[in-house]
Amino acid sequence: MRVPPILPHDPHTYHHLRWRARAWTVALAIPVALGIADMVVRMNSTDPLTHKGGAWTFFLTGLFCVFASIVLWFQWRRSFRARPHRLHTDESDWTWRGVPEMDEEPEGHLTLTGKQQSIPSRW
């Protein structure tokens, strides 16, 4: 089944897919945490059979981590592809990056003597 392409300007779809990816992350992290806790309890035991059970739990937790990483990779990738994209404007590069102050000419600054000095142009 192929997923229809997601519109790049639909914020509702993006938020929905992001929360879905977060829910998958939490849902898959719980069994991993339980497996790790079970391994720690079994490895702290003095019984050799319990240690073998801890090794089996380690193996199963590793397999589950491989499965979970594949599922989470697809979920987060889908969410990332649905991000709203900002359309290009006529603003400068620095304003586009969120630092509009860099577009202004540099002003003189006070030295330790208190005199104004001019700063050479950056570009």
PDB file of N, CA and C in Angstrom:
ATOM      1  N   MET A   1       0.840  -1.180   0.000  1.00  0.00           N
ATOM      2  CA  MET A   1       0.000   0.000   0.000  1.00  0.00           C
ATOM      3  C   MET A   1       0.882   1.240   0.000  1.00  0.00           C
ATOM      4  N   ARG A   2       0.716   2.067  -0.957  1.00  0.00           N
ATOM      5  CA  ARG A   2       1.515   3.281  -1.065  1.00  0.00           C
ATOM      6  C   ARG A   2       0.783   4.438  -0.393  1.00  0.00           C
ATOM      7  N   VAL A   3       1.540   5.188   0.396  1.00  0.00           N
ATOM      8  CA  VAL A   3       0.983   6.342   1.092  1.00  0.00           C
ATOM      9  C   VAL A   3       0.900   7.507   0.107  1.00  0.00           C
ATOM     10  N   PRO A   4      -0.234   8.194   0.038  1.00  0.00           N
ATOM     11  CA  PRO A   4      -0.327   9.334  -0.875  1.00  0.00           C
ATOM     12  C   PRO A   4       0.645  10.431  -0.455  1.00  0.00           C
ATOM     13  N   PRO A   5       1.147  11.199  -1.415  1.00  0.00           N
ATOM     14  CA  PRO A   5       2.083  12.262  -1.049  1.00  0.00           C
ATOM     15  C   PRO A   5       1.418  13.286  -0.127  1.00  0.00           C
ATOM     16  N   ILE A   6       2.194  13.759   0.808  1.00  0.00           N
ATOM     17  CA  ILE A   6       1.683  14.706   1.799  1.00  0.00           C
ATOM     18  C   ILE A   6       1.961  16.126   1.311  1.00  0.00           C
ATOM     19  N   LEU A   7       0.987  16.990   1.449  1.00  0.00           N
ATOM     20  CA  LEU A   7       1.174  18.369   1.031  1.00  0.00           C
ATOM     21  C   LEU A   7       2.194  19.046   1.941  1.00  0.00           C
ATOM     22  N   PRO A   8       3.157  19.769   1.385  1.00  0.00           N
ATOM     23  CA  PRO A   8       4.200  20.371   2.213  1.00  0.00           C
ATOM     24  C   PRO A   8       3.741  21.587   3.003  1.00  0.00           C
ATOM     25  N   HIS A   9       2.538  22.055   2.802  1.00  0.00           N
ATOM     26  CA  HIS A   9       2.084  23.257   3.490  1.00  0.00           C
ATOM     27  C   HIS A   9       0.925  22.977   4.449  1.00  0.00           C
ATOM     28  N   ASP A  10       0.731  21.738   4.823  1.00  0.00           N
ATOM     29  CA  ASP A  10      -0.375  21.389   5.714  1.00  0.00           C
ATOM     30  C   ASP A  10       0.152  21.177   7.132  1.00  0.00           C
ATOM     31  N   PRO A  11       0.075  22.191   7.989  1.00  0.00           N
ATOM     32  CA  PRO A  11       0.628  22.047   9.334  1.00  0.00           C
ATOM     33  C   PRO A  11      -0.137  21.029  10.180  1.00  0.00           C
ATOM     34  N   HIS A  12      -1.435  20.859   9.923  1.00  0.00           N
ATOM     35  CA  HIS A  12      -2.213  19.895  10.698  1.00  0.00           C
ATOM     36  C   HIS A  12      -1.685  18.475  10.474  1.00  0.00           C
ATOM     37  N   THR A  13      -1.411  18.139   9.227  1.00  0.00           N
ATOM     38  CA  THR A  13      -0.871  16.815   8.919  1.00  0.00           C
ATOM     39  C   THR A  13       0.493  16.629   9.564  1.00  0.00           C
ATOM     40  N   TYR A  14       1.312  17.668   9.513  1.00  0.00           N
ATOM     41  CA  TYR A  14       2.643  17.590  10.127  1.00  0.00           C
ATOM     42  C   TYR A  14       2.544  17.346  11.628  1.00  0.00           C
ATOM     43  N   HIS A  15       1.699  18.118  12.315  1.00  0.00           N
ATOM     44  CA  HIS A  15       1.560  17.936  13.761  1.00  0.00           C
ATOM     45  C   HIS A  15       1.001  16.558  14.098  1.00  0.00           C
ATOM     46  N   HIS A  16       0.060  16.103  13.296  1.00  0.00           N
ATOM     47  CA  HIS A  16      -0.502  14.772  13.508  1.00  0.00           C
ATOM     48  C   HIS A  16       0.573  13.691  13.357  1.00  0.00           C
ATOM     49  N   LEU A  17       1.352  13.763  12.305  1.00  0.00           N
ATOM     50  CA  LEU A  17       2.383  12.751  12.086  1.00  0.00           C
ATOM     51  C   LEU A  17       3.508  12.851  13.111  1.00  0.00           C
ATOM     52  N   ARG A  18       3.801  14.060  13.569  1.00  0.00           N
ATOM     53  CA  ARG A  18       4.839  14.207  14.596  1.00  0.00           C
ATOM     54  C   ARG A  18       4.377  13.593  15.913  1.00  0.00           C
ATOM     55  N   TRP A  19       3.124  13.843  16.297  1.00  0.00           N
ATOM     56  CA  TRP A  19       2.619  13.242  17.528  1.00  0.00           C
ATOM     57  C   TRP A  19       2.510  11.732  17.386  1.00  0.00           C
ATOM     58  N   ARG A  20       2.184  11.265  16.200  1.00  0.00           N
ATOM     59  CA  ARG A  20       2.126   9.826  15.968  1.00  0.00           C
ATOM     60  C   ARG A  20       3.518   9.201  16.125  1.00  0.00           C
ATOM     61  N   ALA A  21       4.536   9.862  15.593  1.00  0.00           N
ATOM     62  CA  ALA A  21       5.906   9.356  15.741  1.00  0.00           C
ATOM     63  C   ALA A  21       6.338   9.374  17.202  1.00  0.00           C
ATOM     64  N   ARG A  22       5.937  10.402  17.931  1.00  0.00           N
ATOM     65  CA  ARG A  22       6.260  10.453  19.359  1.00  0.00           C
ATOM     66  C   ARG A  22       5.571   9.313  20.115  1.00  0.00           C
ATOM     67  N   ALA A  23       4.318   9.050  19.772  1.00  0.00           N
ATOM     68  CA  ALA A  23       3.589   7.962  20.430  1.00  0.00           C
ATOM     69  C   ALA A  23       4.242   6.617  20.138  1.00  0.00           C
ATOM     70  N   TRP A  24       4.654   6.401  18.886  1.00  0.00           N
ATOM     71  CA  TRP A  24       5.364   5.163  18.550  1.00  0.00           C
ATOM     72  C   TRP A  24       6.668   5.059  19.336  1.00  0.00           C
ATOM     73  N   THR A  25       7.359   6.171  19.493  1.00  0.00           N
ATOM     74  CA  THR A  25       8.622   6.164  20.235  1.00  0.00           C
ATOM     75  C   THR A  25       8.395   5.744  21.681  1.00  0.00           C
ATOM     76  N   VAL A  26       7.388   6.317  22.313  1.00  0.00           N
ATOM     77  CA  VAL A  26       7.095   5.957  23.706  1.00  0.00           C
ATOM     78  C   VAL A  26       6.627   4.510  23.801  1.00  0.00           C
ATOM     79  N   ALA A  27       5.758   4.101  22.885  1.00  0.00           N
ATOM     80  CA  ALA A  27       5.223   2.739  22.921  1.00  0.00           C
ATOM     81  C   ALA A  27       6.315   1.693  22.717  1.00  0.00           C
ATOM     82  N   LEU A  28       7.298   1.999  21.909  1.00  0.00           N
ATOM     83  CA  LEU A  28       8.367   1.037  21.674  1.00  0.00           C
ATOM     84  C   LEU A  28       9.487   1.146  22.704  1.00  0.00           C
ATOM     85  N   ALA A  29       9.583   2.265  23.395  1.00  0.00           N
ATOM     86  CA  ALA A  29      10.607   2.415  24.426  1.00  0.00           C
ATOM     87  C   ALA A  29      10.238   1.668  25.704  1.00  0.00           C
ATOM     88  N   ILE A  30       8.963   1.491  25.958  1.00  0.00           N
ATOM     89  CA  ILE A  30       8.543   0.813  27.195  1.00  0.00           C
ATOM     90  C   ILE A  30       9.005  -0.641  27.223  1.00  0.00           C
ATOM     91  N   PRO A  31       8.780  -1.469  26.179  1.00  0.00           N
ATOM     92  CA  PRO A  31       9.288  -2.843  26.234  1.00  0.00           C
ATOM     93  C   PRO A  31      10.812  -2.920  26.291  1.00  0.00           C
ATOM     94  N   VAL A  32      11.489  -1.979  25.654  1.00  0.00           N
ATOM     95  CA  VAL A  32      12.954  -1.968  25.731  1.00  0.00           C
ATOM     96  C   VAL A  32      13.396  -1.688  27.166  1.00  0.00           C
ATOM     97  N   ALA A  33      12.760  -0.731  27.823  1.00  0.00           N
ATOM     98  CA  ALA A  33      13.102  -0.425  29.220  1.00  0.00           C
ATOM     99  C   ALA A  33      12.797  -1.610  30.127  1.00  0.00           C
ATOM    100  N   LEU A  34      11.684  -2.281  29.886  1.00  0.00           N
ATOM    101  CA  LEU A  34      11.359  -3.464  30.695  1.00  0.00           C
ATOM    102  C   LEU A  34      12.362  -4.590  30.463  1.00  0.00           C
ATOM    103  N   GLY A  35      12.789  -4.784  29.224  1.00  0.00           N
ATOM    104  CA  GLY A  35      13.790  -5.799  28.931  1.00  0.00           C
ATOM    105  C   GLY A  35      15.120  -5.500  29.590  1.00  0.00           C
ATOM    106  N   ILE A  36      15.516  -4.245  29.581  1.00  0.00           N
ATOM    107  CA  ILE A  36      16.770  -3.856  30.230  1.00  0.00           C
ATOM    108  C   ILE A  36      16.676  -4.052  31.736  1.00  0.00           C
ATOM    109  N   ALA A  37      15.541  -3.674  32.314  1.00  0.00           N
ATOM    110  CA  ALA A  37      15.359  -3.870  33.756  1.00  0.00           C
ATOM    111  C   ALA A  37      15.392  -5.360  34.103  1.00  0.00           C
ATOM    112  N   ASP A  38      14.778  -6.198  33.288  1.00  0.00           N
ATOM    113  CA  ASP A  38      14.794  -7.642  33.526  1.00  0.00           C
ATOM    114  C   ASP A  38      16.215  -8.190  33.426  1.00  0.00           C
ATOM    115  N   MET A  39      16.989  -7.708  32.455  1.00  0.00           N
ATOM    116  CA  MET A  39      18.383  -8.149  32.320  1.00  0.00           C
ATOM    117  C   MET A  39      19.195  -7.785  33.546  1.00  0.00           C
ATOM    118  N   VAL A  40      19.030  -6.567  34.042  1.00  0.00           N
ATOM    119  CA  VAL A  40      19.796  -6.127  35.224  1.00  0.00           C
ATOM    120  C   VAL A  40      19.456  -6.997  36.426  1.00  0.00           C
ATOM    121  N   VAL A  41      18.166  -7.296  36.606  1.00  0.00           N
ATOM    122  CA  VAL A  41      17.761  -8.126  37.747  1.00  0.00           C
ATOM    123  C   VAL A  41      18.343  -9.530  37.615  1.00  0.00           C
ATOM    124  N   ARG A  42      18.289 -10.097  36.416  1.00  0.00           N
ATOM    125  CA  ARG A  42      18.800 -11.455  36.210  1.00  0.00           C
ATOM    126  C   ARG A  42      20.317 -11.513  36.326  1.00  0.00           C
ATOM    127  N   MET A  43      21.017 -10.514  35.851  1.00  0.00           N
ATOM    128  CA  MET A  43      22.479 -10.541  35.922  1.00  0.00           C
ATOM    129  C   MET A  43      22.999 -10.295  37.335  1.00  0.00           C
ATOM    130  N   ASN A  44      22.209  -9.698  38.195  1.00  0.00           N
ATOM    131  CA  ASN A  44      22.618  -9.502  39.586  1.00  0.00           C
ATOM    132  C   ASN A  44      22.343 -10.735  40.441  1.00  0.00           C
ATOM    133  N   SER A  45      21.739 -11.751  39.862  1.00  0.00           N
ATOM    134  CA  SER A  45      21.451 -12.979  40.593  1.00  0.00           C
ATOM    135  C   SER A  45      22.710 -13.853  40.661  1.00  0.00           C
ATOM    136  N   THR A  46      22.764 -14.750  41.641  1.00  0.00           N
ATOM    137  CA  THR A  46      23.905 -15.663  41.782  1.00  0.00           C
ATOM    138  C   THR A  46      23.634 -17.011  41.135  1.00  0.00           C
ATOM    139  N   ASP A  47      22.417 -17.253  40.704  1.00  0.00           N
ATOM    140  CA  ASP A  47      22.055 -18.533  40.082  1.00  0.00           C
ATOM    141  C   ASP A  47      22.487 -18.549  38.612  1.00  0.00           C
ATOM    142  N   PRO A  48      23.245 -19.604  38.165  1.00  0.00           N
ATOM    143  CA  PRO A  48      23.692 -19.642  36.767  1.00  0.00           C
ATOM    144  C   PRO A  48      22.537 -19.775  35.775  1.00  0.00           C
ATOM    145  N   LEU A  49      21.453 -20.438  36.134  1.00  0.00           N
ATOM    146  CA  LEU A  49      20.321 -20.553  35.220  1.00  0.00           C
ATOM    147  C   LEU A  49      19.636 -19.197  35.013  1.00  0.00           C
ATOM    148  N   THR A  50      19.619 -18.403  36.041  1.00  0.00           N
ATOM    149  CA  THR A  50      19.042 -17.062  35.917  1.00  0.00           C
ATOM    150  C   THR A  50      19.912 -16.200  35.005  1.00  0.00           C
ATOM    151  N   HIS A  51      21.238 -16.409  35.069  1.00  0.00           N
ATOM    152  CA  HIS A  51      22.140 -15.694  34.167  1.00  0.00           C
ATOM    153  C   HIS A  51      21.858 -16.067  32.708  1.00  0.00           C
ATOM    154  N   LYS A  52      21.592 -17.346  32.451  1.00  0.00           N
ATOM    155  CA  LYS A  52      21.270 -17.770  31.093  1.00  0.00           C
ATOM    156  C   LYS A  52      19.971 -17.126  30.616  1.00  0.00           C
ATOM    157  N   GLY A  53      19.025 -17.019  31.524  1.00  0.00           N
ATOM    158  CA  GLY A  53      17.780 -16.324  31.182  1.00  0.00           C
ATOM    159  C   GLY A  53      18.033 -14.859  30.865  1.00  0.00           C
ATOM    160  N   GLY A  54      18.997 -14.248  31.560  1.00  0.00           N
ATOM    161  CA  GLY A  54      19.366 -12.854  31.273  1.00  0.00           C
ATOM    162  C   GLY A  54      19.999 -12.717  29.904  1.00  0.00           C
ATOM    163  N   ALA A  55      20.789 -13.727  29.499  1.00  0.00           N
ATOM    164  CA  ALA A  55      21.378 -13.690  28.155  1.00  0.00           C
ATOM    165  C   ALA A  55      20.288 -13.804  27.089  1.00  0.00           C
ATOM    166  N   TRP A  56      19.298 -14.652  27.334  1.00  0.00           N
ATOM    167  CA  TRP A  56      18.185 -14.787  26.395  1.00  0.00           C
ATOM    168  C   TRP A  56      17.386 -13.482  26.320  1.00  0.00           C
ATOM    169  N   THR A  57      17.178 -12.862  27.459  1.00  0.00           N
ATOM    170  CA  THR A  57      16.472 -11.579  27.483  1.00  0.00           C
ATOM    171  C   THR A  57      17.275 -10.525  26.718  1.00  0.00           C
ATOM    172  N   PHE A  58      18.597 -10.563  26.861  1.00  0.00           N
ATOM    173  CA  PHE A  58      19.459  -9.642  26.127  1.00  0.00           C
ATOM    174  C   PHE A  58      19.288  -9.840  24.614  1.00  0.00           C
ATOM    175  N   PHE A  59      19.266 -11.085  24.179  1.00  0.00           N
ATOM    176  CA  PHE A  59      19.102 -11.390  22.764  1.00  0.00           C
ATOM    177  C   PHE A  59      17.741 -10.893  22.247  1.00  0.00           C
ATOM    178  N   LEU A  60      16.682 -11.197  22.995  1.00  0.00           N
ATOM    179  CA  LEU A  60      15.349 -10.773  22.561  1.00  0.00           C
ATOM    180  C   LEU A  60      15.204  -9.250  22.561  1.00  0.00           C
ATOM    181  N   THR A  61      15.791  -8.593  23.549  1.00  0.00           N
ATOM    182  CA  THR A  61      15.736  -7.130  23.594  1.00  0.00           C
ATOM    183  C   THR A  61      16.495  -6.530  22.419  1.00  0.00           C
ATOM    184  N   GLY A  62      17.613  -7.146  22.053  1.00  0.00           N
ATOM    185  CA  GLY A  62      18.358  -6.678  20.883  1.00  0.00           C
ATOM    186  C   GLY A  62      17.560  -6.824  19.604  1.00  0.00           C
ATOM    187  N   LEU A  63      16.894  -7.962  19.434  1.00  0.00           N
ATOM    188  CA  LEU A  63      16.045  -8.145  18.251  1.00  0.00           C
ATOM    189  C   LEU A  63      14.911  -7.129  18.223  1.00  0.00           C
ATOM    190  N   PHE A  64      14.319  -6.891  19.376  1.00  0.00           N
ATOM    191  CA  PHE A  64      13.231  -5.917  19.449  1.00  0.00           C
ATOM    192  C   PHE A  64      13.745  -4.512  19.120  1.00  0.00           C
ATOM    193  N   CYS A  65      14.965  -4.195  19.544  1.00  0.00           N
ATOM    194  CA  CYS A  65      15.533  -2.878  19.236  1.00  0.00           C
ATOM    195  C   CYS A  65      15.734  -2.697  17.735  1.00  0.00           C
ATOM    196  N   VAL A  66      16.134  -3.763  17.051  1.00  0.00           N
ATOM    197  CA  VAL A  66      16.282  -3.688  15.594  1.00  0.00           C
ATOM    198  C   VAL A  66      14.916  -3.415  14.959  1.00  0.00           C
ATOM    199  N   PHE A  67      13.903  -4.159  15.367  1.00  0.00           N
ATOM    200  CA  PHE A  67      12.552  -3.953  14.857  1.00  0.00           C
ATOM    201  C   PHE A  67      12.063  -2.533  15.164  1.00  0.00           C
ATOM    202  N   ALA A  68      12.264  -2.100  16.404  1.00  0.00           N
ATOM    203  CA  ALA A  68      11.787  -0.775  16.812  1.00  0.00           C
ATOM    204  C   ALA A  68      12.503   0.326  16.043  1.00  0.00           C
ATOM    205  N   SER A  69      13.788   0.171  15.792  1.00  0.00           N
ATOM    206  CA  SER A  69      14.512   1.215  15.058  1.00  0.00           C
ATOM    207  C   SER A  69      14.002   1.339  13.627  1.00  0.00           C
ATOM    208  N   ILE A  70      13.642   0.234  13.007  1.00  0.00           N
ATOM    209  CA  ILE A  70      13.096   0.299  11.649  1.00  0.00           C
ATOM    210  C   ILE A  70      11.744   1.010  11.648  1.00  0.00           C
ATOM    211  N   VAL A  71      10.888   0.639  12.576  1.00  0.00           N
ATOM    212  CA  VAL A  71       9.557   1.273  12.655  1.00  0.00           C
ATOM    213  C   VAL A  71       9.697   2.768  12.939  1.00  0.00           C
ATOM    214  N   LEU A  72      10.554   3.123  13.904  1.00  0.00           N
ATOM    215  CA  LEU A  72      10.706   4.534  14.261  1.00  0.00           C
ATOM    216  C   LEU A  72      11.356   5.329  13.131  1.00  0.00           C
ATOM    217  N   TRP A  73      12.259   4.706  12.396  1.00  0.00           N
ATOM    218  CA  TRP A  73      12.882   5.402  11.280  1.00  0.00           C
ATOM    219  C   TRP A  73      11.819   5.799  10.262  1.00  0.00           C
ATOM    220  N   PHE A  74      10.912   4.885   9.929  1.00  0.00           N
ATOM    221  CA  PHE A  74       9.859   5.208   8.969  1.00  0.00           C
ATOM    222  C   PHE A  74       8.892   6.250   9.528  1.00  0.00           C
ATOM    223  N   GLN A  75       8.547   6.141  10.806  1.00  0.00           N
ATOM    224  CA  GLN A  75       7.609   7.105  11.385  1.00  0.00           C
ATOM    225  C   GLN A  75       8.193   8.520  11.407  1.00  0.00           C
ATOM    226  N   TRP A  76       9.435   8.641  11.887  1.00  0.00           N
ATOM    227  CA  TRP A  76      10.041   9.963  11.969  1.00  0.00           C
ATOM    228  C   TRP A  76      10.377  10.518  10.591  1.00  0.00           C
ATOM    229  N   ARG A  77      10.720   9.662   9.650  1.00  0.00           N
ATOM    230  CA  ARG A  77      10.993  10.108   8.284  1.00  0.00           C
ATOM    231  C   ARG A  77       9.726  10.669   7.646  1.00  0.00           C
ATOM    232  N   ARG A  78       8.625   9.995   7.873  1.00  0.00           N
ATOM    233  CA  ARG A  78       7.353  10.464   7.335  1.00  0.00           C
ATOM    234  C   ARG A  78       6.965  11.811   7.946  1.00  0.00           C
ATOM    235  N   SER A  79       7.191  11.954   9.252  1.00  0.00           N
ATOM    236  CA  SER A  79       6.907  13.218   9.917  1.00  0.00           C
ATOM    237  C   SER A  79       7.812  14.326   9.380  1.00  0.00           C
ATOM    238  N   PHE A  80       9.072  14.005   9.158  1.00  0.00           N
ATOM    239  CA  PHE A  80      10.007  15.013   8.660  1.00  0.00           C
ATOM    240  C   PHE A  80       9.634  15.468   7.256  1.00  0.00           C
ATOM    241  N   ARG A  81       9.173  14.550   6.434  1.00  0.00           N
ATOM    242  CA  ARG A  81       8.782  14.912   5.075  1.00  0.00           C
ATOM    243  C   ARG A  81       7.528  15.788   5.043  1.00  0.00           C
ATOM    244  N   ALA A  82       6.721  15.733   6.083  1.00  0.00           N
ATOM    245  CA  ALA A  82       5.477  16.513   6.115  1.00  0.00           C
ATOM    246  C   ALA A  82       5.666  17.899   6.705  1.00  0.00           C
ATOM    247  N   ARG A  83       6.894  18.269   7.045  1.00  0.00           N
ATOM    248  CA  ARG A  83       7.130  19.588   7.624  1.00  0.00           C
ATOM    249  C   ARG A  83       6.661  20.691   6.700  1.00  0.00           C
ATOM    250  N   PRO A  84       6.038  21.730   7.256  1.00  0.00           N
ATOM    251  CA  PRO A  84       5.673  22.873   6.406  1.00  0.00           C
ATOM    252  C   PRO A  84       6.945  23.590   5.949  1.00  0.00           C
ATOM    253  N   HIS A  85       6.983  23.962   4.701  1.00  0.00           N
ATOM    254  CA  HIS A  85       8.143  24.654   4.161  1.00  0.00           C
ATOM    255  C   HIS A  85       7.853  26.138   4.057  1.00  0.00           C
ATOM    256  N   ARG A  86       8.850  26.929   4.405  1.00  0.00           N
ATOM    257  CA  ARG A  86       8.716  28.367   4.291  1.00  0.00           C
ATOM    258  C   ARG A  86       9.005  28.773   2.863  1.00  0.00           C
ATOM    259  N   LEU A  87       8.124  29.553   2.305  1.00  0.00           N
ATOM    260  CA  LEU A  87       8.340  30.017   0.946  1.00  0.00           C
ATOM    261  C   LEU A  87       9.346  31.153   0.942  1.00  0.00           C
ATOM    262  N   HIS A  88      10.066  31.274  -0.142  1.00  0.00           N
ATOM    263  CA  HIS A  88      11.090  32.297  -0.252  1.00  0.00           C
ATOM    264  C   HIS A  88      10.457  33.685  -0.289  1.00  0.00           C
ATOM    265  N   THR A  89      11.085  34.597   0.407  1.00  0.00           N
ATOM    266  CA  THR A  89      10.648  35.997   0.382  1.00  0.00           C
ATOM    267  C   THR A  89      11.797  36.845  -0.132  1.00  0.00           C
ATOM    268  N   ASP A  90      11.564  38.114  -0.238  1.00  0.00           N
ATOM    269  CA  ASP A  90      12.612  39.013  -0.715  1.00  0.00           C
ATOM    270  C   ASP A  90      13.499  39.514   0.411  1.00  0.00           C
ATOM    271  N   GLU A  91      13.417  38.900   1.552  1.00  0.00           N
ATOM    272  CA  GLU A  91      14.247  39.326   2.672  1.00  0.00           C
ATOM    273  C   GLU A  91      15.692  38.888   2.432  1.00  0.00           C
ATOM    274  N   SER A  92      16.582  39.518   3.147  1.00  0.00           N
ATOM    275  CA  SER A  92      17.994  39.182   2.986  1.00  0.00           C
ATOM    276  C   SER A  92      18.302  37.838   3.657  1.00  0.00           C
ATOM    277  N   ASP A  93      19.513  37.375   3.429  1.00  0.00           N
ATOM    278  CA  ASP A  93      19.904  36.086   3.998  1.00  0.00           C
ATOM    279  C   ASP A  93      19.905  36.096   5.516  1.00  0.00           C
ATOM    280  N   TRP A  94      20.386  37.195   6.121  1.00  0.00           N
ATOM    281  CA  TRP A  94      20.459  37.238   7.577  1.00  0.00           C
ATOM    282  C   TRP A  94      19.064  37.314   8.197  1.00  0.00           C
ATOM    283  N   THR A  95      18.157  38.045   7.584  1.00  0.00           N
ATOM    284  CA  THR A  95      16.790  38.090   8.091  1.00  0.00           C
ATOM    285  C   THR A  95      16.140  36.725   7.946  1.00  0.00           C
ATOM    286  N   TRP A  96      16.423  36.060   6.851  1.00  0.00           N
ATOM    287  CA  TRP A  96      15.904  34.716   6.614  1.00  0.00           C
ATOM    288  C   TRP A  96      16.378  33.752   7.703  1.00  0.00           C
ATOM    289  N   ARG A  97      17.616  33.945   8.178  1.00  0.00           N
ATOM    290  CA  ARG A  97      18.163  33.071   9.228  1.00  0.00           C
ATOM    291  C   ARG A  97      17.745  33.504  10.623  1.00  0.00           C
ATOM    292  N   GLY A  98      17.081  34.627  10.739  1.00  0.00           N
ATOM    293  CA  GLY A  98      16.591  35.067  12.043  1.00  0.00           C
ATOM    294  C   GLY A  98      17.482  36.067  12.738  1.00  0.00           C
ATOM    295  N   VAL A  99      18.454  36.647  12.028  1.00  0.00           N
ATOM    296  CA  VAL A  99      19.349  37.640  12.625  1.00  0.00           C
ATOM    297  C   VAL A  99      19.339  38.892  11.753  1.00  0.00           C
ATOM    298  N   PRO A 100      18.257  39.686  11.809  1.00  0.00           N
ATOM    299  CA  PRO A 100      18.190  40.853  10.919  1.00  0.00           C
ATOM    300  C   PRO A 100      19.207  41.924  11.273  1.00  0.00           C
ATOM    301  N   GLU A 101      19.774  41.908  12.470  1.00  0.00           N
ATOM    302  CA  GLU A 101      20.744  42.924  12.866  1.00  0.00           C
ATOM    303  C   GLU A 101      22.014  42.861  12.027  1.00  0.00           C
ATOM    304  N   MET A 102      22.302  41.722  11.452  1.00  0.00           N
ATOM    305  CA  MET A 102      23.527  41.568  10.673  1.00  0.00           C
ATOM    306  C   MET A 102      23.448  42.301   9.338  1.00  0.00           C
ATOM    307  N   ASP A 103      22.265  42.686   8.904  1.00  0.00           N
ATOM    308  CA  ASP A 103      22.120  43.411   7.641  1.00  0.00           C
ATOM    309  C   ASP A 103      22.490  44.881   7.786  1.00  0.00           C
ATOM    310  N   GLU A 104      22.444  45.400   8.980  1.00  0.00           N
ATOM    311  CA  GLU A 104      22.736  46.812   9.200  1.00  0.00           C
ATOM    312  C   GLU A 104      24.247  47.042   9.155  1.00  0.00           C
ATOM    313  N   GLU A 105      24.616  48.270   8.818  1.00  0.00           N
ATOM    314  CA  GLU A 105      26.027  48.628   8.825  1.00  0.00           C
ATOM    315  C   GLU A 105      26.532  48.629  10.264  1.00  0.00           C
ATOM    316  N   PRO A 106      27.741  48.167  10.483  1.00  0.00           N
ATOM    317  CA  PRO A 106      28.257  48.171  11.851  1.00  0.00           C
ATOM    318  C   PRO A 106      28.469  49.596  12.344  1.00  0.00           C
ATOM    319  N   GLU A 107      28.133  49.799  13.593  1.00  0.00           N
ATOM    320  CA  GLU A 107      28.297  51.114  14.199  1.00  0.00           C
ATOM    321  C   GLU A 107      29.646  51.172  14.905  1.00  0.00           C
ATOM    322  N   GLY A 108      30.083  52.380  15.159  1.00  0.00           N
ATOM    323  CA  GLY A 108      31.319  52.539  15.922  1.00  0.00           C
ATOM    324  C   GLY A 108      31.126  52.058  17.343  1.00  0.00           C
ATOM    325  N   HIS A 109      32.198  51.695  17.971  1.00  0.00           N
ATOM    326  CA  HIS A 109      32.092  51.208  19.338  1.00  0.00           C
ATOM    327  C   HIS A 109      33.062  51.976  20.225  1.00  0.00           C
ATOM    328  N   LEU A 110      32.838  51.910  21.507  1.00  0.00           N
ATOM    329  CA  LEU A 110      33.695  52.604  22.454  1.00  0.00           C
ATOM    330  C   LEU A 110      34.884  51.718  22.800  1.00  0.00           C
ATOM    331  N   THR A 111      36.056  52.309  22.738  1.00  0.00           N
ATOM    332  CA  THR A 111      37.235  51.567  23.172  1.00  0.00           C
ATOM    333  C   THR A 111      37.413  51.810  24.662  1.00  0.00           C
ATOM    334  N   LEU A 112      38.510  51.360  25.189  1.00  0.00           N
ATOM    335  CA  LEU A 112      38.771  51.585  26.609  1.00  0.00           C
ATOM    336  C   LEU A 112      39.004  53.065  26.909  1.00  0.00           C
ATOM    337  N   THR A 113      39.341  53.832  25.886  1.00  0.00           N
ATOM    338  CA  THR A 113      39.549  55.263  26.089  1.00  0.00           C
ATOM    339  C   THR A 113      38.247  56.041  26.074  1.00  0.00           C
ATOM    340  N   GLY A 114      37.151  55.435  25.584  1.00  0.00           N
ATOM    341  CA  GLY A 114      35.866  56.109  25.526  1.00  0.00           C
ATOM    342  C   GLY A 114      35.650  56.855  24.229  1.00  0.00           C
ATOM    343  N   LYS A 115      36.564  56.738  23.261  1.00  0.00           N
ATOM    344  CA  LYS A 115      36.425  57.421  21.979  1.00  0.00           C
ATOM    345  C   LYS A 115      35.737  56.502  20.980  1.00  0.00           C
ATOM    346  N   GLN A 116      34.917  57.098  20.143  1.00  0.00           N
ATOM    347  CA  GLN A 116      34.262  56.338  19.082  1.00  0.00           C
ATOM    348  C   GLN A 116      35.278  55.995  18.014  1.00  0.00           C
ATOM    349  N   GLN A 117      35.233  54.747  17.552  1.00  0.00           N
ATOM    350  CA  GLN A 117      36.088  54.348  16.440  1.00  0.00           C
ATOM    351  C   GLN A 117      35.208  53.727  15.377  1.00  0.00           C
ATOM    352  N   SER A 118      35.622  53.907  14.163  1.00  0.00           N
ATOM    353  CA  SER A 118      34.844  53.298  13.078  1.00  0.00           C
ATOM    354  C   SER A 118      35.348  51.886  12.850  1.00  0.00           C
ATOM    355  N   ILE A 119      34.429  51.032  12.469  1.00  0.00           N
ATOM    356  CA  ILE A 119      34.768  49.629  12.225  1.00  0.00           C
ATOM    357  C   ILE A 119      34.808  49.448  10.718  1.00  0.00           C
ATOM    358  N   PRO A 120      35.848  48.809  10.205  1.00  0.00           N
ATOM    359  CA  PRO A 120      35.866  48.564   8.758  1.00  0.00           C
ATOM    360  C   PRO A 120      34.740  47.616   8.366  1.00  0.00           C
ATOM    361  N   SER A 121      34.320  47.738   7.140  1.00  0.00           N
ATOM    362  CA  SER A 121      33.229  46.903   6.639  1.00  0.00           C
ATOM    363  C   SER A 121      33.596  45.440   6.710  1.00  0.00           C
ATOM    364  N   ARG A 122      32.609  44.597   7.032  1.00  0.00           N
ATOM    365  CA  ARG A 122      32.844  43.152   7.134  1.00  0.00           C
ATOM    366  C   ARG A 122      33.000  42.519   5.770  1.00  0.00           C
ATOM    367  N   TRP A 123      32.397  43.104   4.784  1.00  0.00           N
ATOM    368  CA  TRP A 123      32.396  42.450   3.477  1.00  0.00           C
ATOM    369  C   TRP A 123      33.269  43.228   2.581  1.00  0.00           C
TER     370      TRP A 123
END
